[in-house]
Amino acid sequence: MEKTSDVLTKKQILVATEETLRRFGIAKTSVTDVAKVLGVSHGSIYRHFNSKAELLEGVTEKWLNEKIIAPLSKVSLDSSLTGAALLKRYIQTLVELKHYHARDDEEMFQMYTRVTEQRADFIEQHIDHIVKQLADIITRESITSDQPAQLARTLFHATARFHHPAHAYEWKNPKIDQEFSDVWALLEHGIS
């Protein structure tokens, strides 16, 4: 029995799309596949999302919020660390999360990578959220900076090799953790 689009929610569509992406991969997933999982016509999906690209952006946003932003938000509020140690833990968590998902959640990471390549403006919102959290840490922890937001963005970009999906092929290098430590030591020296 087909569900009606009146009871079909965006959240249900996003969950079904994520399931379908994990099952078939990004290249083979179609809106029709998602509709089949939900037991609706593909037109019902298009009532909520104008295109497959918009649907993938919605899934990417959901995935980023759940798998990257939520854990980072917890780290940003960690009261057991202070100063540069909290900044390092935040960036290190970002790096660890991206490496984990590139390795153990390949289909969703590929989808995220594709959206990153196609919609720089969309991903810039994600980056802005991370930069805001970093700037909040800088301000709250009284790390000396006349421009916390600029320092936060600089730290983000200085460590991009370790968390940007374009560099995922480099993350398999056994020296990557030491290279991050070396870069962070230089950045921390500059912050001090």
C-alpha atoms as a PDB file:
ATOM      1  CA  MET A   1       0.000   0.000   0.000  1.00  0.00           C
ATOM      2  CA  GLU A   2       1.439   3.344  -1.011  1.00  0.00           C
ATOM      3  CA  LYS A   3       1.919   6.034   1.618  1.00  0.00           C
ATOM      4  CA  THR A   4       0.528   9.407   0.737  1.00  0.00           C
ATOM      5  CA  SER A   5       2.861  12.370   0.457  1.00  0.00           C
ATOM      6  CA  ASP A   6       0.752  14.094   3.147  1.00  0.00           C
ATOM      7  CA  VAL A   7       2.162  11.786   5.826  1.00  0.00           C
ATOM      8  CA  LEU A   8       5.607  11.503   4.260  1.00  0.00           C
ATOM      9  CA  THR A   9       8.098  13.787   5.998  1.00  0.00           C
ATOM     10  CA  LYS A  10      11.435  15.171   4.877  1.00  0.00           C
ATOM     11  CA  LYS A  11      13.053  13.322   7.762  1.00  0.00           C
ATOM     12  CA  GLN A  12      11.637   9.982   6.550  1.00  0.00           C
ATOM     13  CA  ILE A  13      12.915  10.707   3.054  1.00  0.00           C
ATOM     14  CA  LEU A  14      16.385  11.616   4.344  1.00  0.00           C
ATOM     15  CA  VAL A  15      16.596   8.458   6.468  1.00  0.00           C
ATOM     16  CA  ALA A  16      15.501   6.312   3.506  1.00  0.00           C
ATOM     17  CA  THR A  17      17.970   8.082   1.219  1.00  0.00           C
ATOM     18  CA  GLU A  18      20.824   7.432   3.635  1.00  0.00           C
ATOM     19  CA  GLU A  19      19.809   3.760   3.819  1.00  0.00           C
ATOM     20  CA  THR A  20      19.662   3.567   0.023  1.00  0.00           C
ATOM     21  CA  LEU A  21      23.031   5.282  -0.395  1.00  0.00           C
ATOM     22  CA  ARG A  22      24.639   2.813   1.980  1.00  0.00           C
ATOM     23  CA  ARG A  23      23.068  -0.065   0.081  1.00  0.00           C
ATOM     24  CA  PHE A  24      23.736   0.983  -3.526  1.00  0.00           C
ATOM     25  CA  GLY A  25      26.343   3.754  -3.303  1.00  0.00           C
ATOM     26  CA  ILE A  26      25.993   7.269  -4.616  1.00  0.00           C
ATOM     27  CA  ALA A  27      26.451   6.434  -8.304  1.00  0.00           C
ATOM     28  CA  LYS A  28      23.690   3.821  -8.380  1.00  0.00           C
ATOM     29  CA  THR A  29      21.156   5.437  -6.051  1.00  0.00           C
ATOM     30  CA  SER A  30      18.173   7.052  -7.739  1.00  0.00           C
ATOM     31  CA  VAL A  31      15.159   8.922  -6.445  1.00  0.00           C
ATOM     32  CA  THR A  32      13.102   5.921  -7.596  1.00  0.00           C
ATOM     33  CA  ASP A  33      15.160   3.649  -5.299  1.00  0.00           C
ATOM     34  CA  VAL A  34      14.406   5.929  -2.341  1.00  0.00           C
ATOM     35  CA  ALA A  35      10.720   5.990  -3.270  1.00  0.00           C
ATOM     36  CA  LYS A  36      10.655   2.165  -3.368  1.00  0.00           C
ATOM     37  CA  VAL A  37      12.137   1.964   0.139  1.00  0.00           C
ATOM     38  CA  LEU A  38       9.386   4.299   1.348  1.00  0.00           C
ATOM     39  CA  GLY A  39       6.614   2.641  -0.657  1.00  0.00           C
ATOM     40  CA  VAL A  40       5.719   5.858  -2.488  1.00  0.00           C
ATOM     41  CA  SER A  41       5.971   7.165  -6.020  1.00  0.00           C
ATOM     42  CA  HIS A  42       9.080   9.140  -6.972  1.00  0.00           C
ATOM     43  CA  GLY A  43       6.770  12.128  -7.454  1.00  0.00           C
ATOM     44  CA  SER A  44       6.138  12.080  -3.699  1.00  0.00           C
ATOM     45  CA  ILE A  45       9.853  12.625  -3.124  1.00  0.00           C
ATOM     46  CA  TYR A  46       9.859  15.544  -5.576  1.00  0.00           C
ATOM     47  CA  ARG A  47       7.117  17.237  -3.550  1.00  0.00           C
ATOM     48  CA  HIS A  48       9.720  17.661  -0.786  1.00  0.00           C
ATOM     49  CA  PHE A  49      12.939  17.948  -2.822  1.00  0.00           C
ATOM     50  CA  ASN A  50      13.177  19.603  -6.234  1.00  0.00           C
ATOM     51  CA  SER A  51      15.984  17.386  -7.517  1.00  0.00           C
ATOM     52  CA  LYS A  52      18.299  14.526  -6.669  1.00  0.00           C
ATOM     53  CA  ALA A  53      21.020  17.123  -5.993  1.00  0.00           C
ATOM     54  CA  GLU A  54      18.799  18.868  -3.434  1.00  0.00           C
ATOM     55  CA  LEU A  55      18.004  15.499  -1.848  1.00  0.00           C
ATOM     56  CA  LEU A  56      21.731  14.685  -1.562  1.00  0.00           C
ATOM     57  CA  GLU A  57      22.365  18.104  -0.011  1.00  0.00           C
ATOM     58  CA  GLY A  58      19.672  17.373   2.570  1.00  0.00           C
ATOM     59  CA  VAL A  59      21.215  14.006   3.409  1.00  0.00           C
ATOM     60  CA  THR A  60      24.666  15.597   3.585  1.00  0.00           C
ATOM     61  CA  GLU A  61      23.415  18.277   5.968  1.00  0.00           C
ATOM     62  CA  LYS A  62      21.761  15.646   8.181  1.00  0.00           C
ATOM     63  CA  TRP A  63      24.898  13.485   8.128  1.00  0.00           C
ATOM     64  CA  LEU A  64      27.214  16.417   8.893  1.00  0.00           C
ATOM     65  CA  ASN A  65      25.032  17.562  11.775  1.00  0.00           C
ATOM     66  CA  GLU A  66      24.775  14.094  13.324  1.00  0.00           C
ATOM     67  CA  LYS A  67      28.231  12.679  12.616  1.00  0.00           C
ATOM     68  CA  ILE A  68      30.490  15.745  12.703  1.00  0.00           C
ATOM     69  CA  ILE A  69      28.855  18.799  14.310  1.00  0.00           C
ATOM     70  CA  ALA A  70      27.149  17.039  17.253  1.00  0.00           C
ATOM     71  CA  PRO A  71      30.364  15.345  18.493  1.00  0.00           C
ATOM     72  CA  LEU A  72      32.340  18.555  17.938  1.00  0.00           C
ATOM     73  CA  SER A  73      29.759  20.516  19.920  1.00  0.00           C
ATOM     74  CA  LYS A  74      30.323  18.183  22.869  1.00  0.00           C
ATOM     75  CA  VAL A  75      34.080  18.707  22.642  1.00  0.00           C
ATOM     76  CA  SER A  76      33.688  22.487  22.445  1.00  0.00           C
ATOM     77  CA  LEU A  77      31.901  22.418  25.813  1.00  0.00           C
ATOM     78  CA  ASP A  78      34.369  20.023  27.494  1.00  0.00           C
ATOM     79  CA  SER A  79      35.303  21.685  30.777  1.00  0.00           C
ATOM     80  CA  SER A  80      38.081  19.184  31.539  1.00  0.00           C
ATOM     81  CA  LEU A  81      40.374  20.903  29.016  1.00  0.00           C
ATOM     82  CA  THR A  82      41.427  24.537  28.785  1.00  0.00           C
ATOM     83  CA  GLY A  83      43.182  26.899  26.405  1.00  0.00           C
ATOM     84  CA  ALA A  84      45.160  25.493  23.510  1.00  0.00           C
ATOM     85  CA  ALA A  85      44.575  21.932  24.783  1.00  0.00           C
ATOM     86  CA  LEU A  86      40.830  22.372  24.135  1.00  0.00           C
ATOM     87  CA  LEU A  87      41.505  23.822  20.679  1.00  0.00           C
ATOM     88  CA  LYS A  88      43.763  20.874  19.870  1.00  0.00           C
ATOM     89  CA  ARG A  89      41.177  18.349  21.118  1.00  0.00           C
ATOM     90  CA  TYR A  90      38.524  20.030  18.957  1.00  0.00           C
ATOM     91  CA  ILE A  91      40.636  19.968  15.757  1.00  0.00           C
ATOM     92  CA  GLN A  92      41.914  16.473  16.564  1.00  0.00           C
ATOM     93  CA  THR A  93      38.322  15.257  16.977  1.00  0.00           C
ATOM     94  CA  LEU A  94      37.417  16.796  13.616  1.00  0.00           C
ATOM     95  CA  VAL A  95      40.356  14.967  12.045  1.00  0.00           C
ATOM     96  CA  GLU A  96      39.508  11.663  13.744  1.00  0.00           C
ATOM     97  CA  LEU A  97      35.848  11.871  12.727  1.00  0.00           C
ATOM     98  CA  LYS A  98      36.667  12.553   9.079  1.00  0.00           C
ATOM     99  CA  HIS A  99      39.251   9.762   8.987  1.00  0.00           C
ATOM    100  CA  TYR A 100      36.828   7.330  10.631  1.00  0.00           C
ATOM    101  CA  HIS A 101      34.006   8.080   8.202  1.00  0.00           C
ATOM    102  CA  ALA A 102      36.300   7.987   5.161  1.00  0.00           C
ATOM    103  CA  ARG A 103      37.376   4.504   6.227  1.00  0.00           C
ATOM    104  CA  ASP A 104      34.239   3.003   7.831  1.00  0.00           C
ATOM    105  CA  ASP A 105      31.322   4.875   6.248  1.00  0.00           C
ATOM    106  CA  GLU A 106      32.559   5.064   2.665  1.00  0.00           C
ATOM    107  CA  GLU A 107      29.229   5.573   0.905  1.00  0.00           C
ATOM    108  CA  MET A 108      28.217   8.521   3.069  1.00  0.00           C
ATOM    109  CA  PHE A 109      31.707  10.005   2.958  1.00  0.00           C
ATOM    110  CA  GLN A 110      31.668   9.771  -0.855  1.00  0.00           C
ATOM    111  CA  MET A 111      28.318  11.533  -0.888  1.00  0.00           C
ATOM    112  CA  TYR A 112      29.720  14.275   1.372  1.00  0.00           C
ATOM    113  CA  THR A 113      32.779  14.568  -0.891  1.00  0.00           C
ATOM    114  CA  ARG A 114      30.594  14.889  -3.976  1.00  0.00           C
ATOM    115  CA  VAL A 115      28.446  17.601  -2.441  1.00  0.00           C
ATOM    116  CA  THR A 116      31.631  19.372  -1.275  1.00  0.00           C
ATOM    117  CA  GLU A 117      32.900  19.419  -4.853  1.00  0.00           C
ATOM    118  CA  GLN A 118      29.624  20.598  -6.342  1.00  0.00           C
ATOM    119  CA  ARG A 119      28.308  23.069  -3.760  1.00  0.00           C
ATOM    120  CA  ALA A 120      31.036  25.162  -2.179  1.00  0.00           C
ATOM    121  CA  ASP A 121      28.415  27.556  -0.776  1.00  0.00           C
ATOM    122  CA  PHE A 122      26.629  24.704   0.998  1.00  0.00           C
ATOM    123  CA  ILE A 123      29.832  23.389   2.582  1.00  0.00           C
ATOM    124  CA  GLU A 124      30.863  26.927   3.545  1.00  0.00           C
ATOM    125  CA  GLN A 125      27.924  26.929   5.985  1.00  0.00           C
ATOM    126  CA  HIS A 126      29.366  23.794   7.604  1.00  0.00           C
ATOM    127  CA  ILE A 127      32.804  25.426   7.795  1.00  0.00           C
ATOM    128  CA  ASP A 128      31.286  28.598   9.274  1.00  0.00           C
ATOM    129  CA  HIS A 129      29.709  26.508  12.036  1.00  0.00           C
ATOM    130  CA  ILE A 130      33.052  24.916  12.904  1.00  0.00           C
ATOM    131  CA  VAL A 131      34.838  28.268  12.761  1.00  0.00           C
ATOM    132  CA  LYS A 132      32.225  29.783  15.084  1.00  0.00           C
ATOM    133  CA  GLN A 133      32.762  26.993  17.614  1.00  0.00           C
ATOM    134  CA  LEU A 134      36.535  27.453  17.398  1.00  0.00           C
ATOM    135  CA  ALA A 135      36.154  31.228  17.829  1.00  0.00           C
ATOM    136  CA  ASP A 136      33.928  30.638  20.864  1.00  0.00           C
ATOM    137  CA  ILE A 137      36.641  28.430  22.393  1.00  0.00           C
ATOM    138  CA  ILE A 138      39.292  31.076  21.658  1.00  0.00           C
ATOM    139  CA  THR A 139      37.188  33.783  23.307  1.00  0.00           C
ATOM    140  CA  ARG A 140      36.029  31.689  26.258  1.00  0.00           C
ATOM    141  CA  GLU A 141      39.496  30.324  26.974  1.00  0.00           C
ATOM    142  CA  SER A 142      41.065  33.802  26.796  1.00  0.00           C
ATOM    143  CA  ILE A 143      43.481  32.810  24.056  1.00  0.00           C
ATOM    144  CA  THR A 144      45.173  36.030  23.035  1.00  0.00           C
ATOM    145  CA  SER A 145      43.718  37.236  19.758  1.00  0.00           C
ATOM    146  CA  ASP A 146      42.324  40.554  18.587  1.00  0.00           C
ATOM    147  CA  GLN A 147      40.273  38.661  16.021  1.00  0.00           C
ATOM    148  CA  PRO A 148      39.080  35.273  17.358  1.00  0.00           C
ATOM    149  CA  ALA A 149      37.068  34.484  14.207  1.00  0.00           C
ATOM    150  CA  GLN A 150      40.061  35.118  11.955  1.00  0.00           C
ATOM    151  CA  LEU A 151      42.319  32.969  14.158  1.00  0.00           C
ATOM    152  CA  ALA A 152      39.668  30.223  14.169  1.00  0.00           C
ATOM    153  CA  ARG A 153      39.398  30.254  10.360  1.00  0.00           C
ATOM    154  CA  THR A 154      43.193  30.240  10.064  1.00  0.00           C
ATOM    155  CA  LEU A 155      43.460  27.189  12.351  1.00  0.00           C
ATOM    156  CA  PHE A 156      40.778  25.436  10.317  1.00  0.00           C
ATOM    157  CA  HIS A 157      42.532  26.089   7.015  1.00  0.00           C
ATOM    158  CA  ALA A 158      46.015  25.370   8.398  1.00  0.00           C
ATOM    159  CA  THR A 159      44.849  21.878   9.335  1.00  0.00           C
ATOM    160  CA  ALA A 160      42.754  21.260   6.190  1.00  0.00           C
ATOM    161  CA  ARG A 161      45.088  18.553   4.904  1.00  0.00           C
ATOM    162  CA  PHE A 162      44.024  16.428   7.839  1.00  0.00           C
ATOM    163  CA  HIS A 163      40.235  16.873   7.536  1.00  0.00           C
ATOM    164  CA  HIS A 164      39.284  18.092   4.045  1.00  0.00           C
ATOM    165  CA  PRO A 165      37.875  15.241   1.911  1.00  0.00           C
ATOM    166  CA  ALA A 166      40.097  16.204  -1.035  1.00  0.00           C
ATOM    167  CA  HIS A 167      43.032  14.902   1.018  1.00  0.00           C
ATOM    168  CA  ALA A 168      41.407  11.614   2.084  1.00  0.00           C
ATOM    169  CA  TYR A 169      43.813   9.579  -0.032  1.00  0.00           C
ATOM    170  CA  GLU A 170      46.681  10.916   2.147  1.00  0.00           C
ATOM    171  CA  TRP A 171      45.104   9.742   5.396  1.00  0.00           C
ATOM    172  CA  LYS A 172      46.226   6.155   4.851  1.00  0.00           C
ATOM    173  CA  ASN A 173      49.847   7.232   5.214  1.00  0.00           C
ATOM    174  CA  PRO A 174      51.166   5.802   8.517  1.00  0.00           C
ATOM    175  CA  LYS A 175      52.959   9.114   9.186  1.00  0.00           C
ATOM    176  CA  ILE A 176      49.773  11.212   9.087  1.00  0.00           C
ATOM    177  CA  ASP A 177      49.278  11.301  12.875  1.00  0.00           C
ATOM    178  CA  GLN A 178      52.852  12.456  13.450  1.00  0.00           C
ATOM    179  CA  GLU A 179      52.472  15.051  10.697  1.00  0.00           C
ATOM    180  CA  PHE A 180      49.352  16.398  12.413  1.00  0.00           C
ATOM    181  CA  SER A 181      51.233  16.573  15.727  1.00  0.00           C
ATOM    182  CA  ASP A 182      54.060  18.478  14.042  1.00  0.00           C
ATOM    183  CA  VAL A 183      51.690  20.962  12.401  1.00  0.00           C
ATOM    184  CA  TRP A 184      49.756  21.417  15.633  1.00  0.00           C
ATOM    185  CA  ALA A 185      52.965  22.048  17.619  1.00  0.00           C
ATOM    186  CA  LEU A 186      53.840  24.846  15.200  1.00  0.00           C
ATOM    187  CA  LEU A 187      50.335  26.320  15.375  1.00  0.00           C
ATOM    188  CA  GLU A 188      50.254  26.107  19.174  1.00  0.00           C
ATOM    189  CA  HIS A 189      53.624  27.858  19.356  1.00  0.00           C
ATOM    190  CA  GLY A 190      52.201  30.629  17.187  1.00  0.00           C
ATOM    191  CA  ILE A 191      49.094  30.942  19.380  1.00  0.00           C
ATOM    192  CA  SER A 192      51.219  31.195  22.521  1.00  0.00           C
END
